[in-house]
Every structure is written in C-alpha cells, then in structure tokens.
C-alpha cells in the first residue's frame, strides 16, 4: 500500500554550513509516523541519520543509521516508500533501510520539512 507521500524526490543540500535536514511524515503535528533527520553536525551527532516516531507528542526509541552518503552543497536523491508495516528509505548511494510503522498509519495527512537546505524538486506519486 502506498500513500500520497510514498516517493520522495531529489533535494539539494545547498549551504556549506548545513547542520540538519528533518522530514516528518505525520498523521498530525503531535503524531509522527516517520521522522527522518539528517544530522551533518548537530548536538553530539556528526554525519548520522536519526529516525523516530512520536505518539501523542511523546518520542519513541531512535533508530540510528551510520551510512551517511550526503555532502553539503551537493544534489542528493532520496526515495521514501510507505507501506503498512514499514517506511522504506533508499539513499543516494543505493543503500536502503526500513523503519517500522509504529503508529500503523494508513495515510500521510501532514508533512513537515525543516533545516538548512534547498529543495530542487519534490514529487508525490
């Protein structure tokens, strides 16, 4: 099952001092099914992907991905696929990982994007 936000698109990480990019796929602002956070250098984290979910404004346990094929100022294509049990992510280097659909979302009703970056394009299928 795919949702309207099933496929991500290329995003350009355009500023030399980029610290993070966060994309949330949500039911509403307090209930995030999938939080995807690229941390170039933020807090104690350097070059790591943080994934999580939030239910009733309470964060769950993080999943950390250390494969980090991103560089500030370069074009990066990331694909997101949403299914009943998992969110799947395909990174620019071709590596993939999955994150559990802990909230059992059937559709994405809200999407939030934050960070120091510029999107060149975004597409939903």
N, C-alpha and C. Protein backbone atom coordinates (compact mmCIF):
# COMPACT_ATOMS: atom_id res chain seq x y z
N UNK A 1 0.85 -1.18 0.00
CA UNK A 1 0.00 0.00 0.00
C UNK A 1 0.88 1.23 0.00
N UNK A 2 0.65 2.12 -0.92
CA UNK A 2 1.41 3.37 -0.97
C UNK A 2 0.50 4.52 -0.56
N UNK A 3 1.12 5.53 -0.01
CA UNK A 3 0.36 6.71 0.39
C UNK A 3 0.69 7.84 -0.57
N UNK A 4 -0.02 8.98 -0.47
CA UNK A 4 0.30 10.10 -1.35
C UNK A 4 1.75 10.56 -1.22
N UNK A 5 2.36 10.35 -0.07
CA UNK A 5 3.76 10.74 0.13
C UNK A 5 4.68 9.54 0.01
N UNK A 6 4.36 8.64 -0.91
CA UNK A 6 5.11 7.38 -0.97
C UNK A 6 6.50 7.53 -1.56
N UNK A 7 6.70 8.43 -2.47
CA UNK A 7 8.00 8.56 -3.09
C UNK A 7 8.56 9.95 -2.87
N UNK A 8 9.75 10.01 -2.30
CA UNK A 8 10.44 11.28 -2.11
C UNK A 8 11.10 11.68 -3.41
N UNK A 9 11.78 12.79 -3.39
CA UNK A 9 12.39 13.28 -4.60
C UNK A 9 13.74 13.88 -4.28
N UNK A 10 14.47 14.28 -5.30
CA UNK A 10 15.77 14.86 -5.03
C UNK A 10 15.68 16.12 -4.20
N UNK A 11 16.60 16.27 -3.29
CA UNK A 11 16.72 17.52 -2.55
C UNK A 11 18.17 17.95 -2.62
N UNK A 12 18.39 19.24 -2.71
CA UNK A 12 19.74 19.75 -2.82
C UNK A 12 20.14 20.33 -1.47
N UNK A 13 21.19 19.78 -0.90
CA UNK A 13 21.73 20.29 0.36
C UNK A 13 22.71 21.38 -0.05
N UNK A 14 22.26 22.63 0.01
CA UNK A 14 22.93 23.68 -0.75
C UNK A 14 23.85 24.60 0.04
N UNK A 15 23.77 24.61 1.33
CA UNK A 15 24.59 25.56 2.08
C UNK A 15 25.80 24.85 2.68
N UNK A 16 26.99 25.48 2.61
CA UNK A 16 28.19 24.83 3.12
C UNK A 16 28.12 24.51 4.62
N UNK A 17 27.35 25.25 5.38
CA UNK A 17 27.28 25.03 6.82
C UNK A 17 25.99 24.32 7.23
N UNK A 18 25.45 23.52 6.34
CA UNK A 18 24.25 22.76 6.64
C UNK A 18 24.50 21.90 7.87
N UNK A 19 23.57 21.96 8.84
CA UNK A 19 23.69 21.14 10.04
C UNK A 19 22.69 20.00 10.06
N UNK A 20 21.50 20.23 9.47
CA UNK A 20 20.49 19.18 9.53
C UNK A 20 19.42 19.38 8.47
N UNK A 21 18.72 18.29 8.22
CA UNK A 21 17.52 18.28 7.40
C UNK A 21 16.58 17.30 8.07
N UNK A 22 15.38 17.73 8.39
CA UNK A 22 14.40 16.86 9.05
C UNK A 22 13.11 16.84 8.24
N UNK A 23 12.63 15.63 7.96
CA UNK A 23 11.36 15.45 7.25
C UNK A 23 10.48 14.57 8.11
N UNK A 24 9.27 15.04 8.40
CA UNK A 24 8.32 14.29 9.22
C UNK A 24 7.11 13.91 8.38
N UNK A 25 6.77 12.63 8.41
CA UNK A 25 5.57 12.11 7.75
C UNK A 25 4.57 11.83 8.86
N UNK A 26 3.46 12.58 8.89
CA UNK A 26 2.61 12.62 10.08
C UNK A 26 1.14 12.32 9.80
N UNK A 27 0.49 11.95 10.89
CA UNK A 27 -0.97 11.93 10.92
C UNK A 27 -1.45 13.34 11.26
N UNK A 28 -0.77 13.98 12.20
CA UNK A 28 -0.98 15.36 12.61
C UNK A 28 0.31 15.80 13.29
N UNK A 29 0.46 17.09 13.67
CA UNK A 29 1.73 17.54 14.25
C UNK A 29 2.19 16.82 15.52
N UNK A 30 1.28 16.25 16.28
CA UNK A 30 1.65 15.54 17.51
C UNK A 30 1.92 14.06 17.29
N UNK A 31 1.55 13.54 16.14
CA UNK A 31 1.68 12.11 15.85
C UNK A 31 2.45 11.91 14.55
N UNK A 32 3.74 11.63 14.70
CA UNK A 32 4.65 11.50 13.57
C UNK A 32 4.93 10.02 13.34
N UNK A 33 4.53 9.53 12.19
CA UNK A 33 4.77 8.13 11.86
C UNK A 33 6.22 7.85 11.54
N UNK A 34 6.87 8.81 10.85
CA UNK A 34 8.28 8.63 10.49
C UNK A 34 8.96 9.98 10.49
N UNK A 35 9.97 10.10 11.33
CA UNK A 35 10.81 11.30 11.44
C UNK A 35 12.18 10.94 10.89
N UNK A 36 12.57 11.59 9.80
CA UNK A 36 13.84 11.33 9.11
C UNK A 36 14.71 12.56 9.30
N UNK A 37 15.83 12.42 10.00
CA UNK A 37 16.65 13.57 10.37
C UNK A 37 18.10 13.33 9.98
N UNK A 38 18.56 14.05 8.95
CA UNK A 38 19.97 14.01 8.57
C UNK A 38 20.71 15.00 9.46
N UNK A 39 21.69 14.52 10.19
CA UNK A 39 22.48 15.40 11.05
C UNK A 39 23.92 15.45 10.54
N UNK A 40 24.24 16.56 9.89
CA UNK A 40 25.61 16.76 9.42
C UNK A 40 26.51 17.03 10.62
N UNK A 41 26.08 17.94 11.46
CA UNK A 41 26.77 18.23 12.72
C UNK A 41 25.79 19.00 13.59
N UNK A 42 25.17 18.30 14.52
CA UNK A 42 24.15 18.89 15.38
C UNK A 42 24.21 18.20 16.73
N UNK A 43 24.27 18.99 17.78
CA UNK A 43 24.41 18.47 19.14
C UNK A 43 25.67 17.60 19.20
N UNK A 44 25.55 16.38 19.65
CA UNK A 44 26.70 15.47 19.74
C UNK A 44 26.79 14.55 18.52
N UNK A 45 25.95 14.79 17.55
CA UNK A 45 25.88 13.91 16.38
C UNK A 45 26.59 14.53 15.18
N UNK A 46 27.34 13.69 14.48
CA UNK A 46 28.00 14.10 13.25
C UNK A 46 27.81 13.01 12.21
N UNK A 47 27.27 13.41 11.06
CA UNK A 47 27.08 12.50 9.92
C UNK A 47 26.34 11.23 10.30
N UNK A 48 25.12 11.41 10.78
CA UNK A 48 24.27 10.28 11.16
C UNK A 48 22.83 10.60 10.75
N UNK A 49 22.06 9.55 10.47
CA UNK A 49 20.63 9.69 10.19
C UNK A 49 19.89 9.20 11.42
N UNK A 50 19.03 10.06 11.98
CA UNK A 50 18.21 9.70 13.13
C UNK A 50 16.79 9.47 12.62
N UNK A 51 16.20 8.34 12.97
CA UNK A 51 14.82 8.03 12.62
C UNK A 51 14.05 7.78 13.90
N UNK A 52 12.80 8.23 13.93
CA UNK A 52 11.99 8.04 15.12
C UNK A 52 10.52 8.20 14.77
N UNK A 53 9.68 8.01 15.77
CA UNK A 53 8.24 8.26 15.66
C UNK A 53 7.79 8.94 16.94
N UNK A 54 6.64 9.60 16.86
CA UNK A 54 6.12 10.31 18.03
C UNK A 54 4.62 10.09 18.11
N UNK A 55 4.16 9.62 19.27
CA UNK A 55 2.74 9.37 19.52
C UNK A 55 2.27 10.24 20.67
N UNK A 56 1.21 11.02 20.45
CA UNK A 56 0.68 11.94 21.46
C UNK A 56 1.77 12.83 22.03
N UNK A 57 2.63 13.33 21.14
CA UNK A 57 3.71 14.25 21.46
C UNK A 57 4.82 13.62 22.31
N UNK A 58 4.91 12.29 22.38
CA UNK A 58 5.96 11.59 23.12
C UNK A 58 6.81 10.81 22.12
N UNK A 59 8.13 11.09 22.10
CA UNK A 59 9.05 10.41 21.20
C UNK A 59 9.28 8.97 21.62
N UNK A 60 9.50 8.11 20.65
CA UNK A 60 9.81 6.71 20.87
C UNK A 60 11.33 6.52 20.84
N UNK A 61 11.80 5.29 20.77
CA UNK A 61 13.23 4.99 20.73
C UNK A 61 13.77 5.26 19.33
N UNK A 62 14.91 5.96 19.27
CA UNK A 62 15.54 6.30 18.00
C UNK A 62 16.13 5.09 17.30
N UNK A 63 16.12 5.15 15.99
CA UNK A 63 16.90 4.23 15.17
C UNK A 63 17.97 5.09 14.51
N UNK A 64 19.22 4.70 14.65
CA UNK A 64 20.33 5.48 14.11
C UNK A 64 20.97 4.73 12.94
N UNK A 65 21.14 5.43 11.84
CA UNK A 65 21.78 4.87 10.65
C UNK A 65 23.10 5.60 10.44
N UNK A 66 24.19 4.85 10.41
CA UNK A 66 25.51 5.49 10.29
C UNK A 66 25.99 5.63 8.85
N UNK A 67 25.34 4.93 7.90
CA UNK A 67 25.67 5.15 6.50
C UNK A 67 25.13 6.54 6.14
N UNK A 68 26.00 7.47 5.81
CA UNK A 68 25.63 8.87 5.60
C UNK A 68 26.22 9.37 4.28
N UNK A 69 25.58 9.06 3.15
CA UNK A 69 26.13 9.43 1.85
C UNK A 69 25.71 10.82 1.38
N UNK A 70 25.82 11.80 2.25
CA UNK A 70 25.41 13.17 1.94
C UNK A 70 26.57 14.12 2.17
N UNK A 71 26.65 15.17 1.33
CA UNK A 71 27.65 16.22 1.48
C UNK A 71 26.95 17.56 1.27
N UNK A 72 27.22 18.55 2.13
CA UNK A 72 26.64 19.87 1.91
C UNK A 72 27.02 20.40 0.53
N UNK A 73 26.08 21.07 -0.12
CA UNK A 73 26.33 21.67 -1.42
C UNK A 73 26.18 20.73 -2.60
N UNK A 74 25.75 19.49 -2.35
CA UNK A 74 25.59 18.53 -3.44
C UNK A 74 24.13 18.12 -3.58
N UNK A 75 23.79 17.65 -4.77
CA UNK A 75 22.44 17.16 -5.02
C UNK A 75 22.33 15.75 -4.47
N UNK A 76 21.26 15.49 -3.73
CA UNK A 76 21.05 14.16 -3.14
C UNK A 76 19.64 13.71 -3.43
N UNK A 77 19.50 12.52 -3.97
CA UNK A 77 18.19 11.96 -4.27
C UNK A 77 17.87 10.90 -3.23
N UNK A 78 16.75 11.09 -2.54
CA UNK A 78 16.30 10.16 -1.51
C UNK A 78 14.89 9.72 -1.85
N UNK A 79 14.63 8.42 -1.74
CA UNK A 79 13.30 7.87 -2.04
C UNK A 79 12.69 7.33 -0.77
N UNK A 80 11.44 7.71 -0.50
CA UNK A 80 10.69 7.20 0.64
C UNK A 80 9.51 6.38 0.11
N UNK A 81 9.33 5.21 0.64
CA UNK A 81 8.18 4.38 0.29
C UNK A 81 7.49 3.99 1.58
N UNK A 82 6.19 4.12 1.60
CA UNK A 82 5.39 3.87 2.79
C UNK A 82 4.50 2.67 2.53
N UNK A 83 4.56 1.70 3.44
CA UNK A 83 3.67 0.55 3.38
C UNK A 83 3.09 0.31 4.77
N UNK A 84 2.26 -0.68 4.86
CA UNK A 84 1.52 -0.93 6.10
C UNK A 84 2.42 -1.13 7.33
N UNK A 85 3.49 -1.89 7.18
CA UNK A 85 4.33 -2.22 8.33
C UNK A 85 5.60 -1.39 8.44
N UNK A 86 6.06 -0.82 7.32
CA UNK A 86 7.35 -0.12 7.33
C UNK A 86 7.35 1.11 6.44
N UNK A 87 8.27 2.02 6.75
CA UNK A 87 8.70 3.08 5.86
C UNK A 87 10.05 2.61 5.31
N UNK A 88 10.22 2.69 3.99
CA UNK A 88 11.47 2.28 3.37
C UNK A 88 12.18 3.52 2.84
N UNK A 89 13.51 3.55 3.00
CA UNK A 89 14.31 4.69 2.54
C UNK A 89 15.42 4.17 1.64
N UNK A 90 15.53 4.78 0.46
CA UNK A 90 16.64 4.48 -0.44
C UNK A 90 17.53 5.71 -0.49
N UNK A 91 18.79 5.55 -0.11
CA UNK A 91 19.75 6.64 -0.02
C UNK A 91 20.45 6.87 -1.36
N UNK A 92 21.13 8.02 -1.51
CA UNK A 92 21.79 8.34 -2.78
C UNK A 92 22.82 7.32 -3.24
N UNK A 93 23.45 6.59 -2.32
CA UNK A 93 24.45 5.60 -2.70
C UNK A 93 23.83 4.24 -3.03
N UNK A 94 22.49 4.16 -3.03
CA UNK A 94 21.79 2.92 -3.35
C UNK A 94 21.47 2.05 -2.16
N UNK A 95 22.08 2.33 -1.01
CA UNK A 95 21.76 1.57 0.20
C UNK A 95 20.34 1.88 0.65
N UNK A 96 19.71 0.89 1.27
CA UNK A 96 18.34 1.04 1.75
C UNK A 96 18.24 0.60 3.20
N UNK A 97 17.26 1.17 3.89
CA UNK A 97 16.93 0.69 5.23
C UNK A 97 15.44 0.87 5.44
N UNK A 98 14.92 0.26 6.50
CA UNK A 98 13.50 0.39 6.79
C UNK A 98 13.31 0.82 8.24
N UNK A 99 12.15 1.42 8.48
CA UNK A 99 11.77 1.89 9.81
C UNK A 99 10.34 1.42 10.06
N UNK A 100 10.06 0.85 11.24
CA UNK A 100 8.71 0.32 11.48
C UNK A 100 7.64 1.40 11.51
N UNK A 101 6.48 1.07 10.98
CA UNK A 101 5.32 1.95 11.02
C UNK A 101 4.64 1.74 12.38
N UNK A 102 5.23 2.31 13.41
CA UNK A 102 4.79 2.09 14.79
C UNK A 102 3.38 2.61 15.05
N UNK A 103 2.98 3.66 14.35
CA UNK A 103 1.65 4.23 14.56
C UNK A 103 0.59 3.55 13.70
N UNK A 104 1.01 2.61 12.88
CA UNK A 104 0.11 1.88 11.97
C UNK A 104 -0.65 2.83 11.05
N UNK A 105 0.05 3.88 10.58
CA UNK A 105 -0.57 4.85 9.68
C UNK A 105 -0.98 4.18 8.38
N UNK A 106 -2.13 4.58 7.87
CA UNK A 106 -2.60 4.10 6.57
C UNK A 106 -2.49 5.18 5.51
N UNK A 107 -2.33 6.42 5.97
CA UNK A 107 -2.12 7.53 5.05
C UNK A 107 -1.31 8.61 5.76
N UNK A 108 -0.68 9.45 4.97
CA UNK A 108 0.07 10.58 5.49
C UNK A 108 -0.79 11.81 5.26
N UNK A 109 -1.17 12.47 6.34
CA UNK A 109 -2.06 13.63 6.23
C UNK A 109 -1.32 14.96 6.36
N UNK A 110 -0.09 14.88 6.87
CA UNK A 110 0.67 16.09 7.16
C UNK A 110 2.15 15.78 6.94
N UNK A 111 2.87 16.71 6.32
CA UNK A 111 4.30 16.54 6.13
C UNK A 111 4.99 17.83 6.53
N UNK A 112 6.09 17.71 7.26
CA UNK A 112 6.82 18.88 7.73
C UNK A 112 8.28 18.73 7.34
N UNK A 113 8.88 19.81 6.83
CA UNK A 113 10.28 19.81 6.42
C UNK A 113 10.97 20.98 7.09
N UNK A 114 12.12 20.70 7.74
CA UNK A 114 12.88 21.74 8.42
C UNK A 114 14.37 21.55 8.14
N UNK A 115 15.11 22.65 8.18
CA UNK A 115 16.56 22.55 8.07
C UNK A 115 17.15 23.59 7.14
N UNK A 116 18.47 23.57 7.06
CA UNK A 116 19.22 24.49 6.22
C UNK A 116 19.50 23.80 4.89
N UNK A 117 18.59 23.91 3.96
CA UNK A 117 18.70 23.21 2.69
C UNK A 117 17.80 23.87 1.67
N UNK A 118 17.91 23.43 0.45
CA UNK A 118 17.04 23.91 -0.62
C UNK A 118 16.58 22.70 -1.42
N UNK A 119 15.28 22.58 -1.63
CA UNK A 119 14.75 21.52 -2.48
C UNK A 119 14.83 21.98 -3.93
N UNK A 120 15.35 21.13 -4.76
CA UNK A 120 15.32 21.40 -6.19
C UNK A 120 13.99 20.94 -6.75
N UNK A 121 13.50 19.79 -6.26
CA UNK A 121 12.18 19.31 -6.66
C UNK A 121 11.69 18.31 -5.63
N UNK A 122 10.38 18.11 -5.63
CA UNK A 122 9.77 17.09 -4.79
C UNK A 122 8.57 16.56 -5.56
N UNK A 123 8.34 15.26 -5.47
CA UNK A 123 7.27 14.65 -6.24
C UNK A 123 6.57 13.60 -5.39
N UNK A 124 5.27 13.52 -5.52
CA UNK A 124 4.47 12.51 -4.84
C UNK A 124 3.72 11.70 -5.88
N UNK A 125 3.80 10.38 -5.78
CA UNK A 125 3.09 9.50 -6.70
C UNK A 125 1.98 8.78 -5.97
